Structures are given as C-alpha cells and as structure tokens.
Amino acid sequence: MRTSELSSSERPAAESEAQAQSASVGERPRGPDRRKRPTPRFSRYTLFGGRRRSGGRRPGENDGTYVDQYSARLVAAMLWIAAMNSLDSFFTLVHLQSGGIELNPVADAMLGTGRVGFVACKALLIIVPLAILTLHKNFPLARAGIWTAAGAYTLLVGYHLTLF
C-alpha cells in the first residue's frame, strides 16, 4: 500500500517506519547504541583523546551537555582570564610596594600569607572556577560567567593601569 492511499492519521507513522527501514538497510551497527546515555561530566576523554566538540546532533541540543574537546575561542577566553588575573596580582603587589593599600578584604587577608602565598592563593582561586566553567561551557550560566569574568578582569587591569 502506498502512503498516498493511507488516511492522514496513518500517513506519519508509515512514513517514519519507511525512513527507519531505509536508514537501516546496508548499515551495520558497530555495537550497542552509545547515545542512550549522555556524555558524562568526567570521562577518560575529558582532557585527552575525545571527539565531541558539540553536545547535540541537531540544533538546540547543545545546552546542558558535556563535550570532550573545547574550541579555540573558549581556550583563548580562559587564557585571557588567567592572564588578566596574573596581571592583577602583579599590579596589586607593585601598588602595595609604592605605598598603596588593598581595598579588597579577601585579597588583604591573602596578602597576610606573604607574596608567594598571595599569588598562589589568587591563582588557585581562579584556576578552580575556570576549570568548572570550562567543563560546563554548554550551560547558559557558565557561558555568562566566562564572559563576565573576562570583562571584569579586563576592567580591573585597566583600573590598575590608570593608577600609574
């Protein structure tokens, strides 16, 4: 029976069955369907060797998914934030040596650990959130956090430069 002879309620079901049969003809499965489970947050491919750059196969499926590889744009944004954080640490120490005061109470407490302790604490306090944001890059809140951090650190370094 042709699909043109079917009633309108039977036609979509018959068409989808025909598409499924034509798609499976000549194709051999390579094993169990791995798409039954979403990509885990951490896997053996998280840092090295993965192939997934996007989470979904169809438009709109990327939000809320995890991937194995990250785009050059994301890596550049993370490196930018880390560089701005390093410059913030450097300029903070320079300004303090020339008689400035630290207005941020958290940074002031970290300065009590010494210069090396300050830089190490500041680096740790940015590396951990950057790793979390990178891992969750396909979540809207994480994307907002990445670009907010990049903008805020850029403005902060700009402020440091105006103090010279």
N, C-alpha and C. Protein backbone atom coordinates (compact mmCIF):
# COMPACT_ATOMS: atom_id res chain seq x y z
N MET A 1 0.85 -1.18 0.00
CA MET A 1 0.00 0.00 0.00
C MET A 1 0.89 1.23 0.00
N ARG A 2 0.58 2.17 -0.84
CA ARG A 2 1.35 3.40 -0.90
C ARG A 2 0.90 4.37 0.18
N THR A 3 1.82 5.29 0.58
CA THR A 3 1.46 6.25 1.64
C THR A 3 0.38 7.21 1.18
N SER A 4 0.21 7.40 -0.14
CA SER A 4 -0.84 8.30 -0.62
C SER A 4 -2.22 7.70 -0.41
N GLU A 5 -2.31 6.35 -0.28
CA GLU A 5 -3.59 5.69 -0.08
C GLU A 5 -3.99 5.62 1.39
N LEU A 6 -3.08 5.97 2.31
CA LEU A 6 -3.36 5.91 3.74
C LEU A 6 -4.12 7.15 4.19
N SER A 7 -4.83 7.00 5.30
CA SER A 7 -5.53 8.17 5.85
C SER A 7 -4.48 9.12 6.45
N SER A 8 -4.89 10.34 6.72
CA SER A 8 -3.95 11.35 7.22
C SER A 8 -3.38 10.97 8.58
N SER A 9 -4.12 10.22 9.41
CA SER A 9 -3.59 9.83 10.72
C SER A 9 -2.60 8.67 10.61
N GLU A 10 -2.73 7.83 9.57
CA GLU A 10 -1.83 6.70 9.39
C GLU A 10 -0.56 7.09 8.64
N ARG A 11 -0.61 8.19 7.88
CA ARG A 11 0.50 8.57 7.00
C ARG A 11 1.79 8.87 7.76
N PRO A 12 1.81 9.70 8.84
CA PRO A 12 3.09 9.98 9.51
C PRO A 12 3.77 8.74 10.07
N ALA A 13 2.98 7.80 10.62
CA ALA A 13 3.56 6.58 11.18
C ALA A 13 4.18 5.72 10.08
N ALA A 14 3.50 5.61 8.97
CA ALA A 14 4.01 4.81 7.86
C ALA A 14 5.27 5.43 7.28
N GLU A 15 5.30 6.76 7.16
CA GLU A 15 6.49 7.43 6.63
C GLU A 15 7.69 7.25 7.54
N SER A 16 7.47 7.35 8.87
CA SER A 16 8.61 7.20 9.79
C SER A 16 9.13 5.76 9.78
N GLU A 17 8.22 4.77 9.63
CA GLU A 17 8.66 3.37 9.54
C GLU A 17 9.47 3.15 8.27
N ALA A 18 9.04 3.75 7.17
CA ALA A 18 9.75 3.60 5.91
C ALA A 18 11.14 4.24 6.00
N GLN A 19 11.23 5.40 6.64
CA GLN A 19 12.52 6.07 6.81
C GLN A 19 13.44 5.23 7.68
N ALA A 20 12.93 4.65 8.74
CA ALA A 20 13.75 3.84 9.64
C ALA A 20 14.27 2.60 8.92
N GLN A 21 13.40 1.97 8.10
CA GLN A 21 13.83 0.78 7.36
C GLN A 21 14.87 1.13 6.31
N SER A 22 14.68 2.26 5.60
CA SER A 22 15.64 2.62 4.56
C SER A 22 16.97 3.06 5.17
N ALA A 23 16.94 3.63 6.36
CA ALA A 23 18.18 4.05 7.01
C ALA A 23 18.97 2.84 7.51
N SER A 24 18.29 1.78 7.90
CA SER A 24 19.00 0.62 8.45
C SER A 24 19.45 -0.36 7.37
N VAL A 25 18.93 -0.25 6.15
CA VAL A 25 19.33 -1.16 5.09
C VAL A 25 20.76 -0.83 4.68
N GLY A 26 21.63 -1.83 4.70
CA GLY A 26 23.01 -1.63 4.28
C GLY A 26 23.92 -1.10 5.38
N GLU A 27 23.39 -0.70 6.49
CA GLU A 27 24.21 -0.20 7.60
C GLU A 27 24.28 -1.26 8.68
N ARG A 28 25.49 -1.52 9.16
CA ARG A 28 25.65 -2.48 10.24
C ARG A 28 25.98 -1.72 11.51
N PRO A 29 25.33 -2.03 12.60
CA PRO A 29 25.67 -1.36 13.85
C PRO A 29 27.06 -1.77 14.31
N ARG A 30 27.77 -0.82 14.91
CA ARG A 30 29.13 -1.10 15.38
C ARG A 30 29.14 -1.50 16.84
N GLY A 31 28.04 -1.75 17.42
CA GLY A 31 27.97 -2.12 18.82
C GLY A 31 26.71 -1.53 19.42
N PRO A 32 26.63 -1.56 20.73
CA PRO A 32 25.43 -1.01 21.37
C PRO A 32 25.35 0.50 21.13
N ASP A 33 24.14 0.99 21.10
CA ASP A 33 23.92 2.42 20.86
C ASP A 33 24.42 3.23 22.05
N ARG A 34 25.51 3.98 21.87
CA ARG A 34 26.10 4.75 22.96
C ARG A 34 25.32 6.02 23.25
N ARG A 35 24.38 6.36 22.38
CA ARG A 35 23.62 7.59 22.58
C ARG A 35 22.50 7.43 23.60
N LYS A 36 22.34 6.25 24.15
CA LYS A 36 21.32 6.05 25.17
C LYS A 36 21.69 6.79 26.46
N ARG A 37 23.01 7.01 26.64
CA ARG A 37 23.49 7.74 27.83
C ARG A 37 24.09 9.05 27.37
N PRO A 38 23.88 10.14 28.11
CA PRO A 38 24.55 11.38 27.75
C PRO A 38 26.04 11.32 28.09
N THR A 39 26.81 12.21 27.48
CA THR A 39 28.24 12.27 27.79
C THR A 39 28.40 12.63 29.25
N PRO A 40 29.21 11.89 30.00
CA PRO A 40 29.37 12.20 31.42
C PRO A 40 30.21 13.46 31.62
N ARG A 41 30.10 14.04 32.80
CA ARG A 41 30.86 15.24 33.14
C ARG A 41 32.35 14.93 33.06
N PHE A 42 32.78 13.85 33.65
CA PHE A 42 34.17 13.41 33.59
C PHE A 42 34.21 12.06 32.92
N SER A 43 35.08 11.91 31.95
CA SER A 43 35.28 10.61 31.32
C SER A 43 36.76 10.46 31.00
N ARG A 44 37.12 9.33 30.47
CA ARG A 44 38.53 9.12 30.13
C ARG A 44 38.97 10.04 29.00
N TYR A 45 38.03 10.68 28.32
CA TYR A 45 38.35 11.57 27.21
C TYR A 45 38.27 13.05 27.59
N THR A 46 37.99 13.37 28.84
CA THR A 46 37.77 14.76 29.22
C THR A 46 38.94 15.65 28.85
N LEU A 47 40.15 15.21 29.08
CA LEU A 47 41.32 16.04 28.78
C LEU A 47 42.02 15.64 27.48
N PHE A 48 42.06 14.37 27.16
CA PHE A 48 42.82 13.93 26.01
C PHE A 48 42.05 12.89 25.21
N GLY A 49 42.03 13.04 23.89
CA GLY A 49 41.57 11.98 23.02
C GLY A 49 40.10 11.95 22.67
N GLY A 50 39.28 12.82 23.20
CA GLY A 50 37.86 12.79 22.88
C GLY A 50 37.58 13.36 21.50
N ARG A 51 36.37 13.13 21.02
CA ARG A 51 36.00 13.62 19.69
C ARG A 51 34.84 14.60 19.71
N ARG A 52 34.11 14.70 20.80
CA ARG A 52 32.91 15.53 20.80
C ARG A 52 33.25 16.99 21.03
N ARG A 53 32.94 17.81 20.04
CA ARG A 53 33.12 19.25 20.18
C ARG A 53 31.79 19.94 20.50
N SER A 54 30.71 19.30 20.11
CA SER A 54 29.40 19.85 20.45
C SER A 54 28.59 18.73 21.08
N GLY A 55 27.61 19.10 21.86
CA GLY A 55 26.87 18.11 22.61
C GLY A 55 25.78 17.41 21.84
N GLY A 56 25.13 18.09 20.91
CA GLY A 56 24.00 17.50 20.24
C GLY A 56 24.21 17.35 18.75
N ARG A 57 23.41 16.51 18.16
CA ARG A 57 23.49 16.30 16.73
C ARG A 57 22.58 17.26 15.97
N ARG A 58 21.60 17.78 16.64
CA ARG A 58 20.63 18.66 16.00
C ARG A 58 20.66 20.04 16.66
N PRO A 59 20.22 21.06 15.96
CA PRO A 59 20.21 22.41 16.55
C PRO A 59 19.39 22.44 17.84
N GLY A 60 19.90 23.15 18.82
CA GLY A 60 19.20 23.28 20.09
C GLY A 60 19.52 22.21 21.11
N GLU A 61 20.34 21.22 20.76
CA GLU A 61 20.66 20.15 21.69
C GLU A 61 21.94 20.38 22.47
N ASN A 62 22.64 21.49 22.24
CA ASN A 62 23.92 21.73 22.90
C ASN A 62 23.77 22.19 24.34
N ASP A 63 22.72 22.92 24.66
CA ASP A 63 22.57 23.44 26.02
C ASP A 63 22.47 22.30 27.03
N GLY A 64 23.30 22.38 28.06
CA GLY A 64 23.24 21.40 29.13
C GLY A 64 23.93 20.09 28.83
N THR A 65 24.87 20.08 27.89
CA THR A 65 25.58 18.85 27.57
C THR A 65 27.07 19.03 27.84
N TYR A 66 27.78 17.93 27.95
CA TYR A 66 29.22 17.95 28.17
C TYR A 66 29.91 17.47 26.91
N VAL A 67 31.12 17.98 26.68
CA VAL A 67 31.88 17.60 25.49
C VAL A 67 33.28 17.16 25.90
N ASP A 68 34.01 16.56 24.95
CA ASP A 68 35.37 16.08 25.22
C ASP A 68 36.43 17.07 24.76
N GLN A 69 36.13 17.87 23.75
CA GLN A 69 37.09 18.83 23.20
C GLN A 69 36.49 20.21 23.29
N TYR A 70 37.38 21.19 23.41
CA TYR A 70 36.93 22.57 23.59
C TYR A 70 37.44 23.43 22.45
N SER A 71 36.66 24.43 22.08
CA SER A 71 37.00 25.28 20.94
C SER A 71 38.18 26.19 21.27
N ALA A 72 38.82 26.65 20.21
CA ALA A 72 39.95 27.59 20.37
C ALA A 72 39.46 28.89 21.02
N ARG A 73 38.25 29.28 20.72
CA ARG A 73 37.68 30.50 21.30
C ARG A 73 37.55 30.38 22.82
N LEU A 74 37.09 29.23 23.29
CA LEU A 74 36.95 29.02 24.73
C LEU A 74 38.32 28.98 25.40
N VAL A 75 39.28 28.29 24.79
CA VAL A 75 40.63 28.23 25.34
C VAL A 75 41.23 29.63 25.40
N ALA A 76 41.02 30.43 24.35
CA ALA A 76 41.53 31.80 24.34
C ALA A 76 40.90 32.63 25.46
N ALA A 77 39.60 32.46 25.68
CA ALA A 77 38.93 33.20 26.76
C ALA A 77 39.49 32.79 28.12
N MET A 78 39.72 31.51 28.32
CA MET A 78 40.28 31.05 29.60
C MET A 78 41.70 31.57 29.81
N LEU A 79 42.50 31.54 28.75
CA LEU A 79 43.86 32.07 28.86
C LEU A 79 43.85 33.57 29.12
N TRP A 80 42.89 34.28 28.51
CA TRP A 80 42.76 35.72 28.73
C TRP A 80 42.44 36.00 30.20
N ILE A 81 41.50 35.27 30.75
CA ILE A 81 41.12 35.46 32.16
C ILE A 81 42.31 35.15 33.07
N ALA A 82 43.02 34.07 32.79
CA ALA A 82 44.19 33.72 33.60
C ALA A 82 45.28 34.80 33.49
N ALA A 83 45.49 35.33 32.29
CA ALA A 83 46.49 36.39 32.11
C ALA A 83 46.08 37.66 32.85
N MET A 84 44.80 38.00 32.78
CA MET A 84 44.33 39.20 33.48
C MET A 84 44.45 39.01 35.00
N ASN A 85 44.21 37.81 35.48
CA ASN A 85 44.36 37.51 36.90
C ASN A 85 45.83 37.67 37.32
N SER A 86 46.73 37.19 36.48
CA SER A 86 48.17 37.32 36.78
C SER A 86 48.57 38.79 36.79
N LEU A 87 48.10 39.56 35.83
CA LEU A 87 48.41 40.99 35.81
C LEU A 87 47.82 41.70 37.02
N ASP A 88 46.63 41.29 37.44
CA ASP A 88 46.03 41.88 38.64
C ASP A 88 46.91 41.62 39.86
N SER A 89 47.40 40.39 39.99
CA SER A 89 48.30 40.06 41.10
C SER A 89 49.57 40.91 41.05
N PHE A 90 50.16 40.99 39.87
CA PHE A 90 51.38 41.76 39.70
C PHE A 90 51.17 43.23 40.05
N PHE A 91 50.14 43.83 39.48
CA PHE A 91 49.89 45.25 39.73
C PHE A 91 49.51 45.51 41.18
N THR A 92 48.82 44.58 41.82
CA THR A 92 48.50 44.73 43.24
C THR A 92 49.78 44.81 44.06
N LEU A 93 50.71 43.91 43.79
CA LEU A 93 51.98 43.92 44.53
C LEU A 93 52.80 45.17 44.23
N VAL A 94 52.79 45.63 42.99
CA VAL A 94 53.52 46.85 42.63
C VAL A 94 52.94 48.06 43.36
N HIS A 95 51.62 48.17 43.38
CA HIS A 95 50.97 49.31 44.04
C HIS A 95 51.20 49.27 45.55
N LEU A 96 51.19 48.09 46.13
CA LEU A 96 51.43 47.97 47.57
C LEU A 96 52.87 48.35 47.92
N GLN A 97 53.81 48.02 47.05
CA GLN A 97 55.21 48.40 47.29
C GLN A 97 55.41 49.91 47.21
N SER A 98 54.59 50.57 46.41
CA SER A 98 54.74 52.01 46.27
C SER A 98 53.83 52.78 47.23
N GLY A 99 53.32 52.11 48.27
CA GLY A 99 52.55 52.79 49.30
C GLY A 99 51.05 52.69 49.19
N GLY A 100 50.53 51.93 48.23
CA GLY A 100 49.09 51.78 48.10
C GLY A 100 48.52 50.86 49.17
N ILE A 101 47.20 50.82 49.24
CA ILE A 101 46.54 49.92 50.19
C ILE A 101 45.60 49.00 49.41
N GLU A 102 45.36 47.84 49.97
CA GLU A 102 44.44 46.88 49.34
C GLU A 102 43.04 47.13 49.88
N LEU A 103 42.10 47.41 48.98
CA LEU A 103 40.73 47.69 49.38
C LEU A 103 39.88 46.43 49.53
N ASN A 104 40.27 45.35 48.85
CA ASN A 104 39.52 44.11 48.89
C ASN A 104 39.90 43.35 50.16
N PRO A 105 38.95 43.12 51.08
CA PRO A 105 39.30 42.45 52.34
C PRO A 105 39.77 41.00 52.15
N VAL A 106 39.28 40.30 51.16
CA VAL A 106 39.72 38.92 50.92
C VAL A 106 41.17 38.93 50.44
N ALA A 107 41.48 39.81 49.49
CA ALA A 107 42.85 39.91 48.99
C ALA A 107 43.78 40.40 50.10
N ASP A 108 43.27 41.29 50.95
CA ASP A 108 44.08 41.78 52.06
C ASP A 108 44.43 40.63 53.01
N ALA A 109 43.49 39.74 53.25
CA ALA A 109 43.77 38.57 54.11
C ALA A 109 44.78 37.64 53.43
N MET A 110 44.67 37.47 52.11
CA MET A 110 45.63 36.63 51.40
C MET A 110 47.02 37.25 51.41
N LEU A 111 47.10 38.56 51.43
CA LEU A 111 48.40 39.23 51.48
C LEU A 111 49.12 38.94 52.80
N GLY A 112 48.37 38.58 53.83
CA GLY A 112 48.97 38.22 55.11
C GLY A 112 49.80 36.95 55.03
N THR A 113 49.63 36.17 53.97
CA THR A 113 50.40 34.94 53.81
C THR A 113 51.74 35.19 53.12
N GLY A 114 52.00 36.43 52.72
CA GLY A 114 53.23 36.77 52.01
C GLY A 114 52.98 36.86 50.52
N ARG A 115 54.01 37.30 49.80
CA ARG A 115 53.85 37.48 48.34
C ARG A 115 53.58 36.17 47.62
N VAL A 116 54.38 35.16 47.91
CA VAL A 116 54.20 33.87 47.24
C VAL A 116 52.85 33.27 47.61
N GLY A 117 52.49 33.35 48.88
CA GLY A 117 51.18 32.84 49.31
C GLY A 117 50.04 33.58 48.65
N PHE A 118 50.18 34.90 48.51
CA PHE A 118 49.16 35.72 47.86
C PHE A 118 48.96 35.29 46.41
N VAL A 119 50.07 35.18 45.67
CA VAL A 119 49.98 34.80 44.26
C VAL A 119 49.44 33.38 44.12
N ALA A 120 49.89 32.47 44.99
CA ALA A 120 49.41 31.08 44.92
C ALA A 120 47.92 31.00 45.24
N CYS A 121 47.48 31.69 46.29
CA CYS A 121 46.04 31.68 46.64
C CYS A 121 45.20 32.28 45.53
N LYS A 122 45.66 33.39 44.98
CA LYS A 122 44.91 34.07 43.92
C LYS A 122 44.84 33.19 42.67
N ALA A 123 45.94 32.52 42.35
CA ALA A 123 45.94 31.62 41.19
C ALA A 123 44.99 30.45 41.42
N LEU A 124 45.03 29.87 42.61
CA LEU A 124 44.16 28.74 42.92
C LEU A 124 42.68 29.16 42.88
N LEU A 125 42.42 30.37 43.37
CA LEU A 125 41.04 30.85 43.40
C LEU A 125 40.50 31.20 42.02
N ILE A 126 41.35 31.26 41.01
CA ILE A 126 40.85 31.48 39.65
C ILE A 126 40.93 30.20 38.82
N ILE A 127 41.92 29.34 39.08
CA ILE A 127 42.07 28.12 38.28
C ILE A 127 40.91 27.15 38.50
N VAL A 128 40.50 26.98 39.73
CA VAL A 128 39.41 26.04 40.02
C VAL A 128 38.10 26.50 39.37
N PRO A 129 37.69 27.76 39.54
CA PRO A 129 36.46 28.19 38.85
C PRO A 129 36.57 28.14 37.33
N LEU A 130 37.76 28.45 36.78
CA LEU A 130 37.91 28.36 35.32
C LEU A 130 37.74 26.93 34.83
N ALA A 131 38.27 25.97 35.58
CA ALA A 131 38.10 24.56 35.20
C ALA A 131 36.62 24.17 35.24
N ILE A 132 35.92 24.62 36.25
CA ILE A 132 34.49 24.31 36.37
C ILE A 132 33.70 24.96 35.25
N LEU A 133 34.01 26.23 34.94
CA LEU A 133 33.31 26.93 33.85
C LEU A 133 33.61 26.28 32.50
N THR A 134 34.84 25.84 32.31
CA THR A 134 35.20 25.18 31.04
C THR A 134 34.43 23.87 30.89
N LEU A 135 34.36 23.11 31.95
CA LEU A 135 33.65 21.84 31.92
C LEU A 135 32.16 22.04 31.60
N HIS A 136 31.59 23.13 32.09
CA HIS A 136 30.16 23.40 31.91
C HIS A 136 29.90 24.43 30.83
N LYS A 137 30.73 24.52 29.82
CA LYS A 137 30.64 25.57 28.82
C LYS A 137 29.33 25.58 28.05
N ASN A 138 28.63 24.48 27.99
CA ASN A 138 27.37 24.43 27.27
C ASN A 138 26.16 24.78 28.12
N PHE A 139 26.40 25.26 29.32
CA PHE A 139 25.32 25.69 30.19
C PHE A 139 25.25 27.22 30.14
N PRO A 140 24.08 27.80 29.96
CA PRO A 140 23.98 29.26 29.81
C PRO A 140 24.60 30.05 30.96
N LEU A 141 24.44 29.59 32.19
CA LEU A 141 25.01 30.30 33.33
C LEU A 141 26.54 30.28 33.28
N ALA A 142 27.12 29.18 32.86
CA ALA A 142 28.58 29.09 32.75
C ALA A 142 29.10 30.02 31.65
N ARG A 143 28.39 30.07 30.52
CA ARG A 143 28.81 30.99 29.44
C ARG A 143 28.76 32.42 29.92
N ALA A 144 27.73 32.77 30.66
CA ALA A 144 27.64 34.13 31.21
C ALA A 144 28.79 34.38 32.19
N GLY A 145 29.12 33.39 33.00
CA GLY A 145 30.22 33.52 33.95
C GLY A 145 31.56 33.72 33.26
N ILE A 146 31.79 33.01 32.17
CA ILE A 146 33.05 33.13 31.43
C ILE A 146 33.22 34.55 30.91
N TRP A 147 32.20 35.06 30.24
CA TRP A 147 32.34 36.38 29.63
C TRP A 147 32.28 37.49 30.68
N THR A 148 31.58 37.27 31.77
CA THR A 148 31.58 38.25 32.86
C THR A 148 32.96 38.33 33.50
N ALA A 149 33.58 37.18 33.74
CA ALA A 149 34.92 37.16 34.33
C ALA A 149 35.93 37.82 33.40
N ALA A 150 35.84 37.53 32.11
CA ALA A 150 36.77 38.14 31.15
C ALA A 150 36.62 39.66 31.15
N GLY A 151 35.39 40.13 31.14
CA GLY A 151 35.15 41.57 31.15
C GLY A 151 35.57 42.23 32.45
N ALA A 152 35.25 41.60 33.57
CA ALA A 152 35.58 42.17 34.88
C ALA A 152 37.09 42.25 35.08
N TYR A 153 37.81 41.20 34.73
CA TYR A 153 39.27 41.23 34.89
C TYR A 153 39.91 42.24 33.93
N THR A 154 39.36 42.38 32.74
CA THR A 154 39.89 43.37 31.80
C THR A 154 39.71 44.78 32.36
N LEU A 155 38.53 45.05 32.91
CA LEU A 155 38.28 46.37 33.52
C LEU A 155 39.18 46.58 34.73
N LEU A 156 39.41 45.55 35.52
CA LEU A 156 40.25 45.66 36.71
C LEU A 156 41.69 45.98 36.34
N VAL A 157 42.20 45.31 35.30
CA VAL A 157 43.56 45.61 34.86
C VAL A 157 43.63 47.02 34.27
N GLY A 158 42.59 47.42 33.58
CA GLY A 158 42.53 48.81 33.08
C GLY A 158 42.57 49.81 34.24
N TYR A 159 41.86 49.52 35.32
CA TYR A 159 41.90 50.37 36.51
C TYR A 159 43.31 50.43 37.10
N HIS A 160 43.97 49.28 37.17
CA HIS A 160 45.34 49.26 37.68
C HIS A 160 46.25 50.17 36.82
N LEU A 161 46.04 50.12 35.53
CA LEU A 161 46.88 50.94 34.64
C LEU A 161 46.63 52.44 34.84
N THR A 162 45.42 52.82 35.22
CA THR A 162 45.16 54.24 35.47
C THR A 162 45.80 54.74 36.74
N LEU A 163 46.18 53.84 37.63
CA LEU A 163 46.80 54.25 38.89
C LEU A 163 48.27 54.66 38.73
N PHE A 164 48.87 54.34 37.59
CA PHE A 164 50.28 54.71 37.38
C PHE A 164 50.43 56.17 37.08
